[in-house]
N, C-alpha and C. Protein backbone atom coordinates (compact mmCIF):
# COMPACT_ATOMS: atom_id res chain seq x y z
N MET A 1 -19.43 44.79 13.40
CA MET A 1 -19.47 43.74 12.40
C MET A 1 -18.09 43.10 12.33
N GLY A 2 -18.03 41.80 12.39
CA GLY A 2 -16.77 41.07 12.33
C GLY A 2 -16.25 40.95 10.91
N ALA A 3 -15.07 40.42 10.82
CA ALA A 3 -14.44 40.22 9.51
C ALA A 3 -15.21 39.15 8.73
N LEU A 4 -15.32 39.36 7.44
CA LEU A 4 -15.96 38.37 6.58
C LEU A 4 -14.98 37.23 6.33
N ARG A 5 -15.48 36.03 6.28
CA ARG A 5 -14.62 34.87 6.09
C ARG A 5 -15.06 34.10 4.86
N GLY A 6 -14.15 33.36 4.28
CA GLY A 6 -14.44 32.54 3.12
C GLY A 6 -13.53 32.90 1.97
N ASP A 7 -13.21 31.91 1.15
CA ASP A 7 -12.35 32.17 0.00
C ASP A 7 -13.18 32.69 -1.17
N ALA A 8 -12.52 32.95 -2.28
CA ALA A 8 -13.20 33.52 -3.45
C ALA A 8 -14.32 32.62 -3.94
N ALA A 9 -14.08 31.31 -3.99
CA ALA A 9 -15.11 30.38 -4.48
C ALA A 9 -16.35 30.45 -3.59
N TYR A 10 -16.15 30.53 -2.31
CA TYR A 10 -17.26 30.63 -1.34
C TYR A 10 -18.14 31.83 -1.66
N TRP A 11 -17.51 32.99 -1.82
CA TRP A 11 -18.27 34.21 -2.06
C TRP A 11 -18.84 34.27 -3.46
N LEU A 12 -18.12 33.78 -4.45
CA LEU A 12 -18.65 33.79 -5.81
C LEU A 12 -19.91 32.94 -5.91
N GLU A 13 -19.91 31.79 -5.24
CA GLU A 13 -21.09 30.93 -5.25
C GLU A 13 -22.29 31.65 -4.63
N ARG A 14 -22.09 32.32 -3.53
CA ARG A 14 -23.18 33.02 -2.86
C ARG A 14 -23.66 34.23 -3.66
N LEU A 15 -22.74 34.97 -4.24
CA LEU A 15 -23.13 36.12 -5.05
C LEU A 15 -23.91 35.68 -6.28
N GLU A 16 -23.45 34.61 -6.93
CA GLU A 16 -24.15 34.10 -8.10
C GLU A 16 -25.56 33.63 -7.72
N ALA A 17 -25.68 32.92 -6.60
CA ALA A 17 -26.99 32.44 -6.14
C ALA A 17 -27.93 33.61 -5.86
N ALA A 18 -27.37 34.75 -5.45
CA ALA A 18 -28.19 35.93 -5.16
C ALA A 18 -28.45 36.77 -6.41
N GLY A 19 -27.92 36.35 -7.55
CA GLY A 19 -28.13 37.09 -8.80
C GLY A 19 -27.25 38.31 -8.92
N ILE A 20 -26.15 38.34 -8.18
CA ILE A 20 -25.24 39.49 -8.22
C ILE A 20 -24.06 39.14 -9.13
N PRO A 21 -23.87 39.90 -10.20
CA PRO A 21 -22.73 39.62 -11.09
C PRO A 21 -21.42 39.81 -10.33
N ALA A 22 -20.54 38.84 -10.45
CA ALA A 22 -19.26 38.93 -9.75
C ALA A 22 -18.25 38.04 -10.47
N ALA A 23 -17.00 38.38 -10.28
CA ALA A 23 -15.89 37.59 -10.82
C ALA A 23 -14.70 37.79 -9.91
N PRO A 24 -13.82 36.82 -9.87
CA PRO A 24 -12.64 36.98 -9.00
C PRO A 24 -11.65 37.97 -9.59
N ILE A 25 -10.86 38.56 -8.73
CA ILE A 25 -9.73 39.38 -9.16
C ILE A 25 -8.54 38.44 -9.24
N LEU A 26 -7.97 38.31 -10.41
CA LEU A 26 -6.91 37.33 -10.63
C LEU A 26 -5.52 37.94 -10.58
N THR A 27 -4.57 37.18 -10.06
CA THR A 27 -3.17 37.57 -10.16
C THR A 27 -2.72 37.32 -11.60
N TYR A 28 -1.60 37.90 -11.98
CA TYR A 28 -1.13 37.76 -13.36
C TYR A 28 -0.99 36.30 -13.77
N ASP A 29 -0.38 35.48 -12.92
CA ASP A 29 -0.19 34.08 -13.30
C ASP A 29 -1.52 33.38 -13.52
N ARG A 30 -2.54 33.74 -12.75
CA ARG A 30 -3.85 33.13 -12.94
C ARG A 30 -4.55 33.67 -14.18
N VAL A 31 -4.31 34.93 -14.53
CA VAL A 31 -4.87 35.48 -15.77
C VAL A 31 -4.29 34.72 -16.96
N TYR A 32 -2.97 34.55 -16.97
CA TYR A 32 -2.32 33.89 -18.10
C TYR A 32 -2.77 32.44 -18.26
N ALA A 33 -3.15 31.79 -17.17
CA ALA A 33 -3.58 30.39 -17.21
C ALA A 33 -5.09 30.25 -17.38
N ASN A 34 -5.83 31.35 -17.32
CA ASN A 34 -7.29 31.29 -17.35
C ASN A 34 -7.82 31.10 -18.77
N PRO A 35 -8.55 30.01 -19.03
CA PRO A 35 -9.06 29.76 -20.39
C PRO A 35 -9.98 30.87 -20.89
N GLN A 36 -10.79 31.43 -20.00
CA GLN A 36 -11.71 32.50 -20.41
C GLN A 36 -10.94 33.75 -20.83
N ALA A 37 -9.90 34.10 -20.07
CA ALA A 37 -9.09 35.26 -20.42
C ALA A 37 -8.41 35.05 -21.77
N ARG A 38 -7.94 33.85 -22.01
CA ARG A 38 -7.31 33.54 -23.30
C ARG A 38 -8.33 33.62 -24.44
N ALA A 39 -9.52 33.03 -24.22
CA ALA A 39 -10.56 33.02 -25.25
C ALA A 39 -11.02 34.43 -25.60
N CYS A 40 -10.99 35.34 -24.64
CA CYS A 40 -11.42 36.73 -24.87
C CYS A 40 -10.30 37.61 -25.42
N GLY A 41 -9.13 37.04 -25.65
CA GLY A 41 -8.01 37.83 -26.16
C GLY A 41 -7.35 38.70 -25.12
N MET A 42 -7.52 38.36 -23.84
CA MET A 42 -6.93 39.17 -22.79
C MET A 42 -5.50 38.78 -22.45
N VAL A 43 -5.00 37.72 -23.07
CA VAL A 43 -3.61 37.32 -22.89
C VAL A 43 -2.92 37.57 -24.23
N VAL A 44 -1.96 38.48 -24.23
CA VAL A 44 -1.29 38.89 -25.46
C VAL A 44 0.12 38.34 -25.47
N ASP A 45 0.42 37.51 -26.46
CA ASP A 45 1.76 36.97 -26.63
C ASP A 45 2.61 38.04 -27.31
N THR A 46 3.74 38.38 -26.71
CA THR A 46 4.59 39.43 -27.27
C THR A 46 5.43 38.93 -28.44
N GLY A 47 5.47 37.62 -28.64
CA GLY A 47 6.18 37.07 -29.79
C GLY A 47 7.67 36.87 -29.58
N ASN A 48 8.18 37.18 -28.39
CA ASN A 48 9.61 37.01 -28.18
C ASN A 48 9.91 36.04 -27.04
N GLY A 49 8.89 35.29 -26.61
CA GLY A 49 9.11 34.30 -25.57
C GLY A 49 9.14 34.85 -24.16
N SER A 50 8.93 36.15 -24.01
CA SER A 50 8.94 36.73 -22.67
C SER A 50 7.56 36.61 -22.04
N THR A 51 7.40 37.17 -20.88
CA THR A 51 6.12 37.13 -20.18
C THR A 51 5.05 37.77 -21.05
N PRO A 52 3.90 37.14 -21.17
CA PRO A 52 2.82 37.75 -21.95
C PRO A 52 2.28 39.00 -21.26
N LEU A 53 1.46 39.72 -21.98
CA LEU A 53 0.84 40.93 -21.45
C LEU A 53 -0.64 40.68 -21.23
N VAL A 54 -1.24 41.45 -20.34
CA VAL A 54 -2.69 41.45 -20.19
C VAL A 54 -3.21 42.45 -21.21
N GLY A 55 -4.15 42.02 -22.05
CA GLY A 55 -4.68 42.88 -23.10
C GLY A 55 -5.56 43.99 -22.57
N ASN A 56 -5.86 44.92 -23.43
CA ASN A 56 -6.72 46.04 -23.08
C ASN A 56 -8.17 45.57 -23.02
N PRO A 57 -8.86 45.77 -21.90
CA PRO A 57 -10.25 45.31 -21.80
C PRO A 57 -11.24 46.16 -22.59
N VAL A 58 -10.84 47.35 -23.01
CA VAL A 58 -11.72 48.22 -23.78
C VAL A 58 -11.59 47.85 -25.25
N ARG A 59 -12.70 47.45 -25.84
CA ARG A 59 -12.70 47.01 -27.25
C ARG A 59 -13.51 48.00 -28.08
N MET A 60 -12.90 48.53 -29.13
CA MET A 60 -13.59 49.46 -30.02
C MET A 60 -13.47 48.93 -31.44
N SER A 61 -14.58 48.88 -32.15
CA SER A 61 -14.59 48.27 -33.48
C SER A 61 -13.79 49.07 -34.51
N LEU A 62 -13.82 50.39 -34.42
CA LEU A 62 -13.12 51.20 -35.42
C LEU A 62 -11.64 51.39 -35.09
N THR A 63 -11.29 51.30 -33.83
CA THR A 63 -9.89 51.48 -33.43
C THR A 63 -9.48 50.37 -32.46
N PRO A 64 -9.37 49.14 -32.97
CA PRO A 64 -9.02 48.03 -32.08
C PRO A 64 -7.61 48.18 -31.51
N TRP A 65 -7.47 47.70 -30.28
CA TRP A 65 -6.16 47.71 -29.64
C TRP A 65 -5.25 46.72 -30.33
N GLN A 66 -3.99 47.09 -30.45
CA GLN A 66 -2.99 46.17 -31.00
C GLN A 66 -1.64 46.46 -30.37
N LEU A 67 -0.83 45.42 -30.28
CA LEU A 67 0.52 45.58 -29.76
C LEU A 67 1.34 46.24 -30.86
N ARG A 68 1.76 47.47 -30.63
CA ARG A 68 2.48 48.21 -31.67
C ARG A 68 3.96 47.88 -31.69
N ARG A 69 4.53 47.70 -30.51
CA ARG A 69 5.94 47.32 -30.44
C ARG A 69 6.19 46.64 -29.11
N ARG A 70 7.18 45.81 -29.10
CA ARG A 70 7.55 45.13 -27.87
C ARG A 70 8.33 46.08 -26.97
N ALA A 71 8.32 45.79 -25.70
CA ALA A 71 9.15 46.56 -24.78
C ALA A 71 10.62 46.30 -25.13
N PRO A 72 11.47 47.29 -24.97
CA PRO A 72 12.89 47.06 -25.29
C PRO A 72 13.51 46.08 -24.30
N ALA A 73 14.58 45.45 -24.74
CA ALA A 73 15.35 44.59 -23.84
C ALA A 73 15.92 45.47 -22.73
N LEU A 74 16.25 44.86 -21.62
CA LEU A 74 16.81 45.60 -20.50
C LEU A 74 17.99 46.44 -20.97
N GLY A 75 17.89 47.75 -20.79
CA GLY A 75 18.95 48.66 -21.22
C GLY A 75 18.87 49.05 -22.68
N GLY A 76 17.90 48.52 -23.40
CA GLY A 76 17.80 48.76 -24.84
C GLY A 76 17.53 50.19 -25.24
N ASP A 77 16.93 50.96 -24.37
CA ASP A 77 16.65 52.36 -24.70
C ASP A 77 17.34 53.34 -23.77
N THR A 78 18.34 52.86 -23.04
CA THR A 78 19.04 53.70 -22.07
C THR A 78 19.66 54.93 -22.73
N ALA A 79 20.35 54.74 -23.84
CA ALA A 79 21.02 55.87 -24.50
C ALA A 79 20.00 56.92 -24.93
N ALA A 80 18.89 56.47 -25.50
CA ALA A 80 17.87 57.42 -25.96
C ALA A 80 17.28 58.20 -24.78
N VAL A 81 17.04 57.53 -23.67
CA VAL A 81 16.50 58.20 -22.49
C VAL A 81 17.51 59.21 -21.96
N LEU A 82 18.78 58.82 -21.87
CA LEU A 82 19.80 59.74 -21.37
C LEU A 82 19.97 60.94 -22.30
N GLU A 83 19.88 60.72 -23.60
CA GLU A 83 19.97 61.85 -24.54
C GLU A 83 18.81 62.82 -24.33
N ARG A 84 17.61 62.28 -24.09
CA ARG A 84 16.46 63.14 -23.85
C ARG A 84 16.61 63.91 -22.54
N LEU A 85 17.40 63.37 -21.62
CA LEU A 85 17.65 64.05 -20.35
C LEU A 85 18.79 65.05 -20.45
N GLY A 86 19.41 65.15 -21.64
CA GLY A 86 20.44 66.15 -21.86
C GLY A 86 21.87 65.65 -21.86
N PHE A 87 22.07 64.34 -21.72
CA PHE A 87 23.43 63.80 -21.78
C PHE A 87 23.93 63.80 -23.21
N ALA A 88 25.17 64.20 -23.39
CA ALA A 88 25.79 64.18 -24.71
C ALA A 88 26.19 62.74 -25.05
N PRO A 89 26.22 62.39 -26.34
CA PRO A 89 26.63 61.03 -26.72
C PRO A 89 27.97 60.61 -26.12
N ALA A 90 28.94 61.53 -26.05
CA ALA A 90 30.25 61.20 -25.47
C ALA A 90 30.13 60.87 -23.98
N GLU A 91 29.24 61.56 -23.28
CA GLU A 91 29.03 61.27 -21.86
C GLU A 91 28.43 59.87 -21.68
N ILE A 92 27.53 59.50 -22.56
CA ILE A 92 26.91 58.18 -22.48
C ILE A 92 27.94 57.09 -22.74
N VAL A 93 28.82 57.34 -23.71
CA VAL A 93 29.90 56.38 -23.99
C VAL A 93 30.79 56.23 -22.76
N ASP A 94 31.11 57.34 -22.10
CA ASP A 94 31.93 57.29 -20.89
C ASP A 94 31.24 56.51 -19.78
N LEU A 95 29.94 56.75 -19.59
CA LEU A 95 29.20 56.02 -18.56
C LEU A 95 29.21 54.52 -18.85
N ARG A 96 29.06 54.17 -20.11
CA ARG A 96 29.08 52.76 -20.50
C ARG A 96 30.47 52.16 -20.26
N ARG A 97 31.52 52.92 -20.62
CA ARG A 97 32.90 52.46 -20.44
C ARG A 97 33.22 52.25 -18.97
N LEU A 98 32.68 53.09 -18.11
CA LEU A 98 32.92 52.98 -16.67
C LEU A 98 32.07 51.90 -16.01
N GLY A 99 31.14 51.29 -16.78
CA GLY A 99 30.31 50.23 -16.23
C GLY A 99 29.09 50.72 -15.49
N VAL A 100 28.80 52.01 -15.61
CA VAL A 100 27.65 52.57 -14.90
C VAL A 100 26.34 52.07 -15.50
N LEU A 101 26.30 51.87 -16.79
CA LEU A 101 25.05 51.55 -17.47
C LEU A 101 24.79 50.07 -17.65
N ASP A 102 25.78 49.24 -17.52
CA ASP A 102 25.55 47.82 -17.79
C ASP A 102 25.46 46.97 -16.54
N GLY A 103 25.51 47.60 -15.38
CA GLY A 103 25.37 46.86 -14.14
C GLY A 103 26.64 46.17 -13.68
N LYS A 104 27.69 46.25 -14.47
CA LYS A 104 28.96 45.63 -14.08
C LYS A 104 29.75 46.62 -13.23
N GLU A 105 30.54 46.09 -12.36
CA GLU A 105 31.35 46.96 -11.51
C GLU A 105 32.54 47.48 -12.32
N SER A 106 32.78 48.75 -12.20
CA SER A 106 33.91 49.36 -12.86
C SER A 106 35.21 48.89 -12.21
N PRO A 107 36.26 48.68 -13.01
CA PRO A 107 37.55 48.33 -12.41
C PRO A 107 38.11 49.47 -11.57
N HIS A 108 37.56 50.68 -11.75
CA HIS A 108 38.03 51.85 -11.02
C HIS A 108 37.18 52.14 -9.78
N ALA A 109 36.17 51.31 -9.53
CA ALA A 109 35.29 51.55 -8.38
C ALA A 109 36.05 51.36 -7.07
N HIS A 110 35.69 52.15 -6.09
CA HIS A 110 36.30 52.03 -4.78
C HIS A 110 35.58 50.95 -3.99
N ARG A 111 36.31 49.99 -3.51
CA ARG A 111 35.71 48.90 -2.74
C ARG A 111 36.10 49.06 -1.29
N HIS A 112 35.12 49.04 -0.39
CA HIS A 112 35.38 49.20 1.03
C HIS A 112 35.47 47.88 1.77
N ASP A 113 35.23 46.77 1.06
CA ASP A 113 35.24 45.48 1.74
C ASP A 113 36.54 44.72 1.52
N ARG A 114 37.55 45.36 1.04
CA ARG A 114 38.84 44.68 0.81
C ARG A 114 39.73 44.82 2.01
């Protein structure tokens, strides 16, 4: 059997004509732009202007899904994660001072391209 050919619209039309329920698999950008996904509440605005989220497709009347908290800003929970891994607060301060945690190069870093 050879490879099947045709784009999503081609196959969706044929599946629908045959009475077979089908829908395309969308990339994130297409989900966010899809009117049906928006109407069904599948596009969740995080309220901070960042990329929206895809909502939970499982809907329960007694325990509806809700966005409980936004994701932290980049590095926003680094200290808490390091503390849970056993780093002492003073060690975290030292790592920050050395530029290890903020992505900046430390003035004490060894450079081999000089």
